[in-house]
Amino acid sequence: MIIQTATANFLIEMSEPNSGCVLVRSNSQEELHRFFGSLEISLSNDLYYAFEVRSCKQEFANALILMVKEIDYSQFTEFNLHMS
């Protein structure tokens, strides 16, 4: 899964089968630290997502909640949902 914010891009992958963890890679070490500050951030082999952190699913869920809380809905344009 890819998540893009105004300040960074995140790539989320399963860390290991049945481990209950995810691997979160990003192009921004600062944003990884902001969302996963208590976890160790390391360099990845990916050129675009140069930094990574392993996170349990609960820590990842908490980081997603923070990301959603930071959404600026005033920048969304109005749209109508038309049913056919």
Protein backbone atom coordinates (compact mmCIF):
# COMPACT_ATOMS: atom_id res chain seq x y z
CA MET A 1 0.00 0.00 0.00
CA ILE A 2 1.26 3.49 -0.80
CA ILE A 3 0.30 6.52 1.27
CA GLN A 4 1.21 9.99 0.05
CA THR A 5 1.13 13.03 2.31
CA ALA A 6 2.11 16.62 1.63
CA THR A 7 5.54 15.97 3.10
CA ALA A 8 6.38 12.32 2.39
CA ASN A 9 5.53 9.06 0.64
CA PHE A 10 5.15 5.79 2.51
CA LEU A 11 5.26 2.22 1.22
CA ILE A 12 3.68 -0.33 3.56
CA GLU A 13 4.49 -4.01 3.14
CA MET A 14 4.00 -7.15 5.21
CA SER A 15 7.15 -7.62 7.29
CA GLU A 16 7.12 -11.38 7.66
CA PRO A 17 4.25 -13.81 7.21
CA ASN A 18 2.28 -14.30 10.44
CA SER A 19 4.48 -11.87 12.39
CA GLY A 20 1.82 -9.26 13.06
CA CYS A 21 4.21 -6.57 11.85
CA VAL A 22 4.48 -4.32 8.83
CA LEU A 23 7.49 -2.76 7.15
CA VAL A 24 6.99 0.96 6.54
CA ARG A 25 9.38 2.59 4.08
CA SER A 26 9.52 6.29 3.33
CA ASN A 27 11.44 8.93 1.44
CA SER A 28 11.49 11.05 4.62
CA GLN A 29 13.35 10.05 7.75
CA GLU A 30 11.83 13.00 9.61
CA GLU A 31 8.26 11.89 8.89
CA LEU A 32 9.01 8.30 9.90
CA HIS A 33 10.43 9.64 13.15
CA ARG A 34 7.38 11.84 13.68
CA PHE A 35 4.91 8.97 13.20
CA PHE A 36 7.02 6.13 14.67
CA GLY A 37 9.33 8.04 17.04
CA SER A 38 9.85 5.21 19.50
CA LEU A 39 10.95 2.71 16.83
CA GLU A 40 14.38 2.29 15.23
CA ILE A 41 14.64 3.78 11.75
CA SER A 42 17.14 2.19 9.41
CA LEU A 43 18.32 2.66 5.84
CA SER A 44 16.62 0.52 3.21
CA ASN A 45 17.95 -0.79 -0.10
CA ASP A 46 15.20 1.02 -1.98
CA LEU A 47 16.44 4.16 -3.76
CA TYR A 48 13.09 5.97 -3.59
CA TYR A 49 12.04 4.82 -0.09
CA ALA A 50 15.43 5.19 1.58
CA PHE A 51 14.31 4.79 5.20
CA GLU A 52 12.34 2.04 6.91
CA VAL A 53 10.87 0.99 10.21
CA ARG A 54 9.31 -2.28 11.37
CA SER A 55 6.08 -1.69 13.25
CA CYS A 56 3.50 -3.88 14.91
CA LYS A 57 0.05 -3.44 13.44
CA GLN A 58 -1.20 -1.52 16.51
CA GLU A 59 1.60 1.06 16.24
CA PHE A 60 0.90 1.33 12.52
CA ALA A 61 -2.81 1.85 13.21
CA ASN A 62 -1.95 4.65 15.67
CA ALA A 63 0.25 6.32 13.02
CA LEU A 64 -2.59 6.08 10.48
CA ILE A 65 -4.93 7.77 12.94
CA LEU A 66 -2.46 10.65 13.26
CA MET A 67 -2.21 10.92 9.47
CA VAL A 68 -5.99 11.05 9.09
CA LYS A 69 -6.30 13.70 11.82
CA GLU A 70 -3.91 15.91 9.82
CA ILE A 71 -6.02 15.90 6.65
CA ASP A 72 -6.93 19.43 5.61
CA TYR A 73 -10.46 18.96 4.30
CA SER A 74 -10.69 22.61 3.24
CA GLN A 75 -8.51 21.73 0.25
CA PHE A 76 -10.99 19.15 -1.03
CA THR A 77 -13.24 20.28 -3.83
CA GLU A 78 -16.94 19.66 -3.58
CA PHE A 79 -18.31 16.84 -5.62
CA ASN A 80 -21.65 15.24 -6.16
CA LEU A 81 -22.23 11.55 -6.18
CA HIS A 82 -24.63 10.69 -8.97
CA MET A 83 -26.30 7.33 -9.04
CA SER A 84 -27.06 5.90 -12.44
